[in-house]
């Protein structure tokens, strides 16, 4: 029997202050995490993605660029982006993100070691929904890292991209030995004829202390299973995207059929049980998920995300879905029998329903 599901919300929202959990006085489930950005500053033009351009990409001539890695597009990142958007509107120019791939830490390690919060495709989709005109990706390698900071400002910003303005966060550094800092960028802007604006640190008040909003803090929160803190830092629930694959069908045998999604090996989300939402084909459903190695049924195995969708009997195999992590229930555990596992799964599902229902009934603060 199919349960009630909610279509994505289309109400207008402020991209900087965007909180993708539904307001307590609304009864429908929250929209999928980045799909909610569909309502924010829609653009009449296609989103432009350019990699290593030698000249200003068509449509991004004289752009105002926000510069950085922007992994996660957390509240601090959105502060920089909103600043760049306001400046672009003021000077009548397009607005784009200037970012780097692969992540510098991966480059120096020679392999993927960073827990990426938003891979390039997800980042582009989020930026388009935030209303940016495009994203410029520069290949980051050891040669790029060894170049003097003047080469970045003069050859890339001024000559290749022809920017009218550059906006960066307070901690942005670039060039050999990270010699390029905000003050250097300001002086180069004056020398080369483009505007430079630096956005100060944005902090998150958590348990009475002020913490810098950062990708590192978000990764640490997720590694600890603290998805509530990650949501505060990001401004929306942490989410992953993947294709549903066929598993061993054991969950179906136990009465809990699951949608199985393999995540990138670099994903360091704490193994355990979570209350989640799953978006497929534009429809958001609620459920409970296990992320881990399933120690009760397999001695070894790669981490897998298994989502049991409440009140749903449809077919998700082969579909690309988004799973948002709303609440942490417990860590992964090994049980003495399948009966014990099944009993615990019932308890987990009940707790997940409580967590998800609380989003719609909690009093506003």
Foldseek 3Di string as FASTA:
>chain_A
DFDDFDFADQDADQQLLAFQADDQQDQHGTFFWLVNLLNAQADPDDAAEAEPFQAADVQQAQEAEEEEACFLVWNQNVVQQVVRVVVCVVVVGAYEYEHEPPDPVCQVVVHDQAQGLADPVRVSSSVNSNNHRYYYYYYDHPVQQAAAPLCCLPNPVCGHRNYQEYEYEQADFGHHVSPRGLVNNCVSCVVRPHYYYYDYFDWDQDPNDTDTLDPVVLLVCQLVQNQVVNSRSRSYFRKDKFAFADDPCVCVVLVFQWGKGDDDLNNNGAFAKFWKWKDFPSIIFTWMWTWQAQVQVDVGDRTMIITRTPNDDDDRHGTMMMMGGQHGDDHDDHDPDVVVVSVVVVVSGVVSVVSSSCSNNPDDD
